[in-house]
Amino acid sequence: MAQGLSHRLGAPALHYWGMSPTLQSCMLARGISPRVAEPLSFPEAAMLNHTLVAIVDDNQPFRESLRKLVMLFGYTVESFPSAADFLASRLVPETDCLVADVHMPGMTGVELHRHLVDTGHAIPTILVTAYPDEVVRDQALKDGVVCYLSKPVDDDDLERCLRSALQPGTPI
């Protein structure tokens, strides 16, 4: 278990190899089975949003933690270990929002965003990074990235960015 990162899910939630008790109870409250992360037959499960958020990050524990967090926000989530895996999937045209790591082997999150725009898939994009850089951030925001967040990602900041990405005109 790494240093605690999430105030909403409990200190170890974002880099916890297992399922924290806090995360389990949050998932149950939202109608999501903590064992397999599938919707339960609770009435709350009917309220889940079918908006697809794709997460692309080469760091498996962070990717999985972020996937669980975004699911708790009520979105449908698919995660990928690389930009190439995301681009090879059939989900690119169906993706409503992309959350991508800035620094990944092969294609970076910035390059992925540019590639998507250049190929006609202007997916609202949120970039996350463990190595914030003002020059990269400024250029990414100029290129149309919705948010540029530093790891550890604050739950509330991510939720605001997702809302802004999915509902244009919503202030961050």
N, C-alpha and C. Protein backbone atom coordinates (compact mmCIF):
# COMPACT_ATOMS: atom_id res chain seq x y z
N MET A 1 0.85 -1.17 0.00
CA MET A 1 0.00 0.00 0.00
C MET A 1 0.89 1.23 0.00
N ALA A 2 0.55 2.21 -0.81
CA ALA A 2 1.33 3.44 -0.91
C ALA A 2 0.75 4.52 -0.01
N GLN A 3 1.39 5.67 -0.01
CA GLN A 3 0.94 6.83 0.75
C GLN A 3 -0.52 7.11 0.44
N GLY A 4 -1.33 7.53 1.42
CA GLY A 4 -2.73 7.83 1.22
C GLY A 4 -2.92 8.98 0.25
N LEU A 5 -3.94 8.86 -0.60
CA LEU A 5 -4.15 9.86 -1.62
C LEU A 5 -5.56 10.43 -1.66
N SER A 6 -6.53 9.71 -1.17
CA SER A 6 -7.90 10.12 -1.39
C SER A 6 -8.61 10.45 -0.09
N HIS A 7 -9.09 11.68 0.03
CA HIS A 7 -9.81 12.04 1.24
C HIS A 7 -11.22 11.49 1.24
N ARG A 8 -11.82 11.25 0.08
CA ARG A 8 -13.19 10.77 0.02
C ARG A 8 -13.26 9.26 0.25
N LEU A 9 -12.34 8.51 -0.30
CA LEU A 9 -12.40 7.05 -0.20
C LEU A 9 -11.57 6.49 0.94
N GLY A 10 -10.92 7.33 1.68
CA GLY A 10 -10.06 6.85 2.76
C GLY A 10 -8.61 6.95 2.31
N ALA A 11 -7.74 7.18 3.23
CA ALA A 11 -6.35 7.49 2.91
C ALA A 11 -5.71 6.56 1.89
N PRO A 12 -5.82 5.24 2.01
CA PRO A 12 -5.07 4.40 1.07
C PRO A 12 -5.81 4.07 -0.21
N ALA A 13 -6.97 4.62 -0.46
CA ALA A 13 -7.84 4.12 -1.52
C ALA A 13 -7.24 4.19 -2.92
N LEU A 14 -6.52 5.23 -3.27
CA LEU A 14 -6.08 5.33 -4.65
C LEU A 14 -4.88 4.44 -4.99
N HIS A 15 -4.15 3.97 -4.01
CA HIS A 15 -3.03 3.07 -4.30
C HIS A 15 -3.07 1.87 -3.36
N TYR A 16 -4.20 1.27 -3.23
CA TYR A 16 -4.39 0.14 -2.35
C TYR A 16 -4.53 -1.11 -3.22
N TRP A 17 -3.76 -2.14 -2.93
CA TRP A 17 -3.79 -3.33 -3.77
C TRP A 17 -5.08 -4.11 -3.61
N GLY A 18 -5.71 -4.01 -2.45
CA GLY A 18 -6.98 -4.68 -2.22
C GLY A 18 -8.10 -3.66 -2.18
N MET A 19 -9.24 -4.09 -1.70
CA MET A 19 -10.41 -3.23 -1.61
C MET A 19 -10.51 -2.72 -0.18
N SER A 20 -10.46 -1.41 0.00
CA SER A 20 -10.58 -0.85 1.35
C SER A 20 -12.03 -0.97 1.81
N PRO A 21 -12.26 -1.08 3.13
CA PRO A 21 -13.63 -1.16 3.64
C PRO A 21 -14.44 0.08 3.26
N THR A 22 -13.81 1.23 3.23
CA THR A 22 -14.53 2.46 2.85
C THR A 22 -14.98 2.39 1.40
N LEU A 23 -14.10 1.93 0.51
CA LEU A 23 -14.46 1.81 -0.89
C LEU A 23 -15.57 0.78 -1.06
N GLN A 24 -15.49 -0.33 -0.33
CA GLN A 24 -16.55 -1.34 -0.41
C GLN A 24 -17.91 -0.76 -0.06
N SER A 25 -17.98 -0.01 1.05
CA SER A 25 -19.27 0.54 1.45
C SER A 25 -19.76 1.60 0.48
N CYS A 26 -18.85 2.40 -0.09
CA CYS A 26 -19.26 3.39 -1.10
C CYS A 26 -19.82 2.68 -2.33
N MET A 27 -19.15 1.61 -2.75
CA MET A 27 -19.61 0.88 -3.93
C MET A 27 -20.98 0.25 -3.67
N LEU A 28 -21.16 -0.35 -2.49
CA LEU A 28 -22.46 -0.94 -2.16
C LEU A 28 -23.55 0.11 -2.13
N ALA A 29 -23.24 1.28 -1.61
CA ALA A 29 -24.22 2.36 -1.55
C ALA A 29 -24.65 2.81 -2.95
N ARG A 30 -23.75 2.66 -3.92
CA ARG A 30 -24.06 3.05 -5.30
C ARG A 30 -24.62 1.88 -6.11
N GLY A 31 -24.79 0.71 -5.48
CA GLY A 31 -25.33 -0.44 -6.19
C GLY A 31 -24.32 -1.18 -7.03
N ILE A 32 -23.03 -1.08 -6.67
CA ILE A 32 -21.97 -1.75 -7.42
C ILE A 32 -21.38 -2.85 -6.54
N SER A 33 -21.31 -4.05 -7.06
CA SER A 33 -20.76 -5.16 -6.31
C SER A 33 -19.25 -4.95 -6.11
N PRO A 34 -18.78 -4.92 -4.86
CA PRO A 34 -17.34 -4.71 -4.66
C PRO A 34 -16.49 -5.89 -5.08
N ARG A 35 -17.05 -7.06 -5.24
CA ARG A 35 -16.26 -8.22 -5.64
C ARG A 35 -15.92 -8.18 -7.13
N VAL A 36 -16.88 -7.85 -7.96
CA VAL A 36 -16.65 -7.90 -9.40
C VAL A 36 -16.96 -6.58 -10.10
N ALA A 37 -17.34 -5.57 -9.34
CA ALA A 37 -17.64 -4.24 -9.87
C ALA A 37 -18.71 -4.28 -10.95
N GLU A 38 -19.73 -5.13 -10.74
CA GLU A 38 -20.86 -5.17 -11.65
C GLU A 38 -22.08 -4.61 -10.93
N PRO A 39 -23.01 -3.99 -11.67
CA PRO A 39 -24.19 -3.45 -11.02
C PRO A 39 -25.00 -4.54 -10.32
N LEU A 40 -25.51 -4.19 -9.15
CA LEU A 40 -26.40 -5.08 -8.42
C LEU A 40 -27.83 -4.77 -8.84
N SER A 41 -28.79 -5.49 -8.29
CA SER A 41 -30.17 -5.26 -8.67
C SER A 41 -30.86 -4.24 -7.78
N PHE A 42 -30.11 -3.41 -7.08
CA PHE A 42 -30.69 -2.37 -6.25
C PHE A 42 -31.31 -1.30 -7.13
N PRO A 43 -32.31 -0.58 -6.63
CA PRO A 43 -32.89 0.52 -7.43
C PRO A 43 -31.85 1.57 -7.81
N GLU A 44 -30.85 1.80 -6.94
CA GLU A 44 -29.82 2.80 -7.26
C GLU A 44 -29.04 2.43 -8.52
N ALA A 45 -28.93 1.14 -8.80
CA ALA A 45 -28.18 0.71 -9.97
C ALA A 45 -28.80 1.24 -11.26
N ALA A 46 -30.11 1.44 -11.24
CA ALA A 46 -30.79 1.96 -12.42
C ALA A 46 -30.40 3.41 -12.69
N MET A 47 -29.84 4.09 -11.67
CA MET A 47 -29.48 5.48 -11.83
C MET A 47 -28.07 5.67 -12.40
N LEU A 48 -27.35 4.58 -12.62
CA LEU A 48 -25.99 4.70 -13.14
C LEU A 48 -25.99 5.35 -14.51
N ASN A 49 -25.02 6.18 -14.74
CA ASN A 49 -24.87 6.92 -15.98
C ASN A 49 -24.16 6.02 -17.00
N HIS A 50 -24.64 6.01 -18.23
CA HIS A 50 -24.01 5.19 -19.26
C HIS A 50 -23.01 5.98 -20.09
N THR A 51 -22.64 7.16 -19.61
CA THR A 51 -21.61 7.96 -20.25
C THR A 51 -20.28 7.24 -20.10
N LEU A 52 -19.58 7.01 -21.22
CA LEU A 52 -18.34 6.24 -21.19
C LEU A 52 -17.13 7.13 -20.97
N VAL A 53 -16.39 6.84 -19.90
CA VAL A 53 -15.14 7.51 -19.61
C VAL A 53 -14.03 6.47 -19.80
N ALA A 54 -13.07 6.79 -20.66
CA ALA A 54 -11.93 5.90 -20.89
C ALA A 54 -10.74 6.43 -20.10
N ILE A 55 -10.06 5.52 -19.41
CA ILE A 55 -8.88 5.87 -18.63
C ILE A 55 -7.68 5.19 -19.28
N VAL A 56 -6.65 5.97 -19.58
CA VAL A 56 -5.43 5.43 -20.19
C VAL A 56 -4.26 5.83 -19.30
N ASP A 57 -3.67 4.83 -18.65
CA ASP A 57 -2.54 5.08 -17.75
C ASP A 57 -1.72 3.79 -17.67
N ASP A 58 -0.41 3.90 -17.79
CA ASP A 58 0.44 2.71 -17.76
C ASP A 58 0.66 2.18 -16.35
N ASN A 59 0.31 2.95 -15.33
CA ASN A 59 0.47 2.53 -13.93
C ASN A 59 -0.78 1.77 -13.51
N GLN A 60 -0.68 0.44 -13.44
CA GLN A 60 -1.84 -0.41 -13.20
C GLN A 60 -2.56 -0.10 -11.89
N PRO A 61 -1.88 0.04 -10.75
CA PRO A 61 -2.63 0.34 -9.51
C PRO A 61 -3.36 1.68 -9.58
N PHE A 62 -2.72 2.69 -10.15
CA PHE A 62 -3.39 3.99 -10.27
C PHE A 62 -4.57 3.89 -11.23
N ARG A 63 -4.37 3.21 -12.36
CA ARG A 63 -5.43 3.05 -13.36
C ARG A 63 -6.66 2.37 -12.76
N GLU A 64 -6.43 1.31 -12.00
CA GLU A 64 -7.55 0.58 -11.38
C GLU A 64 -8.24 1.41 -10.31
N SER A 65 -7.47 2.13 -9.52
CA SER A 65 -8.05 2.98 -8.48
C SER A 65 -8.87 4.10 -9.10
N LEU A 66 -8.34 4.69 -10.16
CA LEU A 66 -9.06 5.75 -10.84
C LEU A 66 -10.33 5.21 -11.49
N ARG A 67 -10.25 4.01 -12.04
CA ARG A 67 -11.43 3.37 -12.64
C ARG A 67 -12.53 3.20 -11.60
N LYS A 68 -12.17 2.73 -10.43
CA LYS A 68 -13.15 2.54 -9.35
C LYS A 68 -13.74 3.86 -8.90
N LEU A 69 -12.90 4.87 -8.79
CA LEU A 69 -13.37 6.19 -8.36
C LEU A 69 -14.36 6.77 -9.37
N VAL A 70 -14.02 6.71 -10.65
CA VAL A 70 -14.91 7.27 -11.67
C VAL A 70 -16.21 6.47 -11.73
N MET A 71 -16.14 5.17 -11.49
CA MET A 71 -17.37 4.37 -11.40
C MET A 71 -18.23 4.85 -10.23
N LEU A 72 -17.60 5.19 -9.12
CA LEU A 72 -18.35 5.70 -7.97
C LEU A 72 -19.04 7.02 -8.29
N PHE A 73 -18.49 7.78 -9.22
CA PHE A 73 -19.14 9.01 -9.66
C PHE A 73 -20.36 8.70 -10.51
N GLY A 74 -20.50 7.44 -10.92
CA GLY A 74 -21.68 7.01 -11.66
C GLY A 74 -21.49 6.82 -13.14
N TYR A 75 -20.25 6.86 -13.62
CA TYR A 75 -19.99 6.72 -15.05
C TYR A 75 -19.65 5.28 -15.41
N THR A 76 -19.85 4.93 -16.67
CA THR A 76 -19.36 3.68 -17.21
C THR A 76 -17.89 3.90 -17.55
N VAL A 77 -17.02 2.96 -17.18
CA VAL A 77 -15.58 3.17 -17.32
C VAL A 77 -14.92 1.97 -18.00
N GLU A 78 -14.02 2.28 -18.92
CA GLU A 78 -13.12 1.28 -19.50
C GLU A 78 -11.71 1.81 -19.30
N SER A 79 -10.78 0.93 -18.97
CA SER A 79 -9.41 1.38 -18.76
C SER A 79 -8.45 0.62 -19.67
N PHE A 80 -7.36 1.31 -20.00
CA PHE A 80 -6.37 0.79 -20.95
C PHE A 80 -4.97 1.10 -20.43
N PRO A 81 -4.01 0.16 -20.61
CA PRO A 81 -2.65 0.38 -20.13
C PRO A 81 -1.79 1.25 -21.05
N SER A 82 -2.29 1.56 -22.26
CA SER A 82 -1.49 2.37 -23.18
C SER A 82 -2.40 3.06 -24.18
N ALA A 83 -1.87 4.10 -24.80
CA ALA A 83 -2.60 4.80 -25.85
C ALA A 83 -2.87 3.86 -27.02
N ALA A 84 -1.90 3.02 -27.35
CA ALA A 84 -2.07 2.07 -28.46
C ALA A 84 -3.23 1.12 -28.20
N ASP A 85 -3.36 0.64 -26.95
CA ASP A 85 -4.47 -0.26 -26.62
C ASP A 85 -5.82 0.46 -26.75
N PHE A 86 -5.87 1.71 -26.30
CA PHE A 86 -7.11 2.48 -26.43
C PHE A 86 -7.45 2.69 -27.91
N LEU A 87 -6.47 3.10 -28.70
CA LEU A 87 -6.71 3.36 -30.12
C LEU A 87 -7.10 2.09 -30.88
N ALA A 88 -6.61 0.94 -30.44
CA ALA A 88 -6.94 -0.33 -31.09
C ALA A 88 -8.32 -0.85 -30.68
N SER A 89 -8.89 -0.27 -29.65
CA SER A 89 -10.21 -0.73 -29.18
C SER A 89 -11.30 -0.19 -30.09
N ARG A 90 -12.46 -0.78 -29.98
CA ARG A 90 -13.62 -0.31 -30.75
C ARG A 90 -14.35 0.80 -30.00
N LEU A 91 -13.81 1.23 -28.87
CA LEU A 91 -14.52 2.18 -28.02
C LEU A 91 -14.19 3.64 -28.31
N VAL A 92 -13.24 3.91 -29.17
CA VAL A 92 -12.86 5.31 -29.43
C VAL A 92 -14.08 6.15 -29.84
N PRO A 93 -14.91 5.71 -30.80
CA PRO A 93 -16.04 6.55 -31.20
C PRO A 93 -17.12 6.68 -30.12
N GLU A 94 -17.16 5.73 -29.20
CA GLU A 94 -18.18 5.74 -28.14
C GLU A 94 -17.73 6.48 -26.89
N THR A 95 -16.46 6.84 -26.81
CA THR A 95 -15.92 7.46 -25.61
C THR A 95 -16.39 8.91 -25.50
N ASP A 96 -16.97 9.23 -24.34
CA ASP A 96 -17.48 10.58 -24.09
C ASP A 96 -16.45 11.47 -23.42
N CYS A 97 -15.50 10.86 -22.71
CA CYS A 97 -14.45 11.61 -22.03
C CYS A 97 -13.24 10.69 -21.87
N LEU A 98 -12.06 11.28 -22.01
CA LEU A 98 -10.81 10.53 -21.88
C LEU A 98 -10.01 11.11 -20.72
N VAL A 99 -9.53 10.23 -19.84
CA VAL A 99 -8.60 10.63 -18.78
C VAL A 99 -7.31 9.89 -19.09
N ALA A 100 -6.24 10.64 -19.37
CA ALA A 100 -4.99 10.01 -19.80
C ALA A 100 -3.80 10.57 -19.03
N ASP A 101 -2.85 9.69 -18.76
CA ASP A 101 -1.59 10.08 -18.13
C ASP A 101 -0.76 10.85 -19.16
N VAL A 102 -0.07 11.87 -18.70
CA VAL A 102 0.78 12.65 -19.60
C VAL A 102 1.99 11.83 -20.03
N HIS A 103 2.67 11.18 -19.09
CA HIS A 103 3.92 10.45 -19.38
C HIS A 103 3.66 8.96 -19.44
N MET A 104 3.64 8.41 -20.66
CA MET A 104 3.49 6.97 -20.87
C MET A 104 4.46 6.55 -21.96
N PRO A 105 4.92 5.30 -21.91
CA PRO A 105 5.78 4.81 -22.99
C PRO A 105 5.00 4.77 -24.31
N GLY A 106 5.69 4.93 -25.39
CA GLY A 106 5.03 4.90 -26.70
C GLY A 106 4.45 6.27 -27.01
N MET A 107 3.17 6.41 -26.80
CA MET A 107 2.48 7.66 -27.07
C MET A 107 2.06 8.30 -25.75
N THR A 108 2.41 9.57 -25.56
CA THR A 108 2.05 10.27 -24.32
C THR A 108 0.57 10.67 -24.37
N GLY A 109 0.06 11.11 -23.24
CA GLY A 109 -1.32 11.59 -23.19
C GLY A 109 -1.54 12.80 -24.08
N VAL A 110 -0.55 13.69 -24.15
CA VAL A 110 -0.64 14.88 -25.01
C VAL A 110 -0.68 14.44 -26.47
N GLU A 111 0.19 13.51 -26.86
CA GLU A 111 0.20 13.00 -28.23
C GLU A 111 -1.10 12.27 -28.56
N LEU A 112 -1.64 11.53 -27.61
CA LEU A 112 -2.91 10.84 -27.81
C LEU A 112 -4.02 11.84 -28.09
N HIS A 113 -4.09 12.89 -27.29
CA HIS A 113 -5.12 13.91 -27.51
C HIS A 113 -4.99 14.53 -28.90
N ARG A 114 -3.78 14.91 -29.28
CA ARG A 114 -3.55 15.50 -30.62
C ARG A 114 -3.95 14.53 -31.73
N HIS A 115 -3.58 13.26 -31.57
CA HIS A 115 -3.91 12.24 -32.57
C HIS A 115 -5.43 12.12 -32.72
N LEU A 116 -6.13 12.08 -31.60
CA LEU A 116 -7.59 11.96 -31.65
C LEU A 116 -8.22 13.16 -32.36
N VAL A 117 -7.76 14.35 -32.04
CA VAL A 117 -8.29 15.56 -32.69
C VAL A 117 -7.98 15.52 -34.19
N ASP A 118 -6.75 15.16 -34.53
CA ASP A 118 -6.34 15.12 -35.94
C ASP A 118 -7.12 14.08 -36.75
N THR A 119 -7.60 13.03 -36.10
CA THR A 119 -8.34 11.98 -36.81
C THR A 119 -9.86 12.14 -36.67
N GLY A 120 -10.28 13.30 -36.18
CA GLY A 120 -11.72 13.60 -36.12
C GLY A 120 -12.44 13.09 -34.88
N HIS A 121 -11.69 12.70 -33.88
CA HIS A 121 -12.29 12.23 -32.61
C HIS A 121 -11.91 13.21 -31.50
N ALA A 122 -12.54 14.36 -31.49
CA ALA A 122 -12.23 15.39 -30.49
C ALA A 122 -12.91 15.05 -29.17
N ILE A 123 -12.40 14.06 -28.50
CA ILE A 123 -12.95 13.59 -27.22
C ILE A 123 -12.48 14.55 -26.13
N PRO A 124 -13.41 15.07 -25.31
CA PRO A 124 -12.97 15.90 -24.18
C PRO A 124 -11.95 15.13 -23.34
N THR A 125 -10.80 15.75 -23.10
CA THR A 125 -9.69 15.05 -22.46
C THR A 125 -9.23 15.73 -21.19
N ILE A 126 -8.99 14.90 -20.18
CA ILE A 126 -8.40 15.33 -18.91
C ILE A 126 -7.05 14.64 -18.82
N LEU A 127 -6.00 15.43 -18.62
CA LEU A 127 -4.66 14.85 -18.47
C LEU A 127 -4.27 14.83 -17.00
N VAL A 128 -3.62 13.74 -16.59
CA VAL A 128 -3.11 13.62 -15.22
C VAL A 128 -1.62 13.33 -15.29
N THR A 129 -0.88 13.83 -14.31
CA THR A 129 0.56 13.61 -14.34
C THR A 129 1.16 13.62 -12.94
N ALA A 130 2.18 12.83 -12.78
CA ALA A 130 2.96 12.84 -11.54
C ALA A 130 4.11 13.85 -11.65
N TYR A 131 4.31 14.37 -12.86
CA TYR A 131 5.41 15.31 -13.12
C TYR A 131 4.87 16.58 -13.76
N PRO A 132 4.19 17.43 -12.99
CA PRO A 132 3.59 18.64 -13.58
C PRO A 132 4.65 19.54 -14.21
N ASP A 133 4.27 20.10 -15.35
CA ASP A 133 5.16 20.98 -16.10
C ASP A 133 4.29 22.10 -16.67
N GLU A 134 4.60 23.34 -16.30
CA GLU A 134 3.78 24.48 -16.73
C GLU A 134 3.73 24.63 -18.24
N VAL A 135 4.84 24.40 -18.91
CA VAL A 135 4.89 24.55 -20.37
C VAL A 135 3.97 23.51 -21.02
N VAL A 136 4.07 22.26 -20.57
CA VAL A 136 3.22 21.19 -21.12
C VAL A 136 1.76 21.50 -20.81
N ARG A 137 1.48 21.92 -19.56
CA ARG A 137 0.09 22.23 -19.18
C ARG A 137 -0.48 23.35 -20.05
N ASP A 138 0.26 24.44 -20.18
CA ASP A 138 -0.23 25.57 -20.97
C ASP A 138 -0.51 25.17 -22.41
N GLN A 139 0.40 24.41 -23.02
CA GLN A 139 0.21 23.98 -24.41
C GLN A 139 -0.98 23.03 -24.52
N ALA A 140 -1.11 22.10 -23.58
CA ALA A 140 -2.23 21.15 -23.61
C ALA A 140 -3.56 21.89 -23.50
N LEU A 141 -3.65 22.85 -22.60
CA LEU A 141 -4.89 23.61 -22.44
C LEU A 141 -5.18 24.43 -23.70
N LYS A 142 -4.14 24.99 -24.34
CA LYS A 142 -4.32 25.71 -25.61
C LYS A 142 -4.83 24.78 -26.70
N ASP A 143 -4.37 23.51 -26.65
CA ASP A 143 -4.77 22.51 -27.65
C ASP A 143 -6.16 21.92 -27.39
N GLY A 144 -6.82 22.38 -26.32
CA GLY A 144 -8.20 21.95 -26.08
C GLY A 144 -8.40 20.94 -24.97
N VAL A 145 -7.35 20.57 -24.25
CA VAL A 145 -7.52 19.67 -23.11
C VAL A 145 -8.38 20.40 -22.06
N VAL A 146 -9.32 19.70 -21.47
CA VAL A 146 -10.26 20.31 -20.52
C VAL A 146 -9.58 20.63 -19.20
N CYS A 147 -8.82 19.68 -18.67
CA CYS A 147 -8.14 19.86 -17.37
C CYS A 147 -6.78 19.19 -17.40
N TYR A 148 -5.89 19.71 -16.59
CA TYR A 148 -4.55 19.16 -16.40
C TYR A 148 -4.37 19.01 -14.90
N LEU A 149 -4.41 17.78 -14.40
CA LEU A 149 -4.36 17.53 -12.96
C LEU A 149 -3.06 16.85 -12.55
N SER A 150 -2.58 17.21 -11.37
CA SER A 150 -1.39 16.57 -10.81
C SER A 150 -1.78 15.39 -9.94
N LYS A 151 -0.96 14.34 -10.02
CA LYS A 151 -1.13 13.20 -9.12
C LYS A 151 -0.46 13.55 -7.80
N PRO A 152 -0.98 13.20 -6.68
CA PRO A 152 -2.23 12.48 -6.52
C PRO A 152 -3.42 13.36 -6.90
N VAL A 153 -4.37 12.76 -7.59
CA VAL A 153 -5.54 13.48 -8.08
C VAL A 153 -6.53 13.66 -6.94
N ASP A 154 -6.96 14.90 -6.75
CA ASP A 154 -8.00 15.20 -5.75
C ASP A 154 -9.35 14.75 -6.32
N ASP A 155 -10.11 14.00 -5.54
CA ASP A 155 -11.40 13.46 -5.99
C ASP A 155 -12.33 14.56 -6.48
N ASP A 156 -12.45 15.63 -5.71
CA ASP A 156 -13.36 16.72 -6.07
C ASP A 156 -12.92 17.42 -7.35
N ASP A 157 -11.62 17.63 -7.51
CA ASP A 157 -11.12 18.25 -8.74
C ASP A 157 -11.43 17.38 -9.95
N LEU A 158 -11.23 16.08 -9.82
CA LEU A 158 -11.52 15.17 -10.92
C LEU A 158 -13.01 15.19 -11.25
N GLU A 159 -13.84 15.16 -10.23
CA GLU A 159 -15.29 15.17 -10.46
C GLU A 159 -15.72 16.46 -11.18
N ARG A 160 -15.16 17.60 -10.76
CA ARG A 160 -15.47 18.88 -11.43
C ARG A 160 -15.00 18.85 -12.88
N CYS A 161 -13.82 18.31 -13.11
CA CYS A 161 -13.30 18.24 -14.48
C CYS A 161 -14.16 17.34 -15.36
N LEU A 162 -14.59 16.22 -14.81
CA LEU A 162 -15.47 15.32 -15.58
C LEU A 162 -16.77 16.03 -15.94
N ARG A 163 -17.36 16.71 -14.96
CA ARG A 163 -18.61 17.45 -15.24
C ARG A 163 -18.38 18.49 -16.33
N SER A 164 -17.29 19.22 -16.24
CA SER A 164 -16.98 20.25 -17.22
C SER A 164 -16.74 19.64 -18.60
N ALA A 165 -16.06 18.51 -18.66
CA ALA A 165 -15.77 17.85 -19.92
C ALA A 165 -17.05 17.32 -20.58
N LEU A 166 -17.96 16.83 -19.75
CA LEU A 166 -19.17 16.18 -20.27
C LEU A 166 -20.34 17.14 -20.45
N GLN A 167 -20.26 18.29 -19.83
CA GLN A 167 -21.31 19.29 -19.97
C GLN A 167 -20.63 20.62 -20.31
N PRO A 168 -20.33 20.83 -21.59
CA PRO A 168 -19.63 22.07 -21.98
C PRO A 168 -20.34 23.30 -21.43
N GLY A 169 -19.55 24.24 -21.00
CA GLY A 169 -20.09 25.46 -20.41
C GLY A 169 -20.17 25.40 -18.89
N THR A 170 -19.96 24.20 -18.32
CA THR A 170 -19.95 24.04 -16.87
C THR A 170 -18.60 24.54 -16.36
N PRO A 171 -18.61 25.51 -15.42
CA PRO A 171 -17.32 25.98 -14.91
C PRO A 171 -16.61 24.90 -14.12
N ILE A 172 -15.29 24.95 -14.15
CA ILE A 172 -14.48 23.95 -13.43
C ILE A 172 -14.37 24.32 -11.98
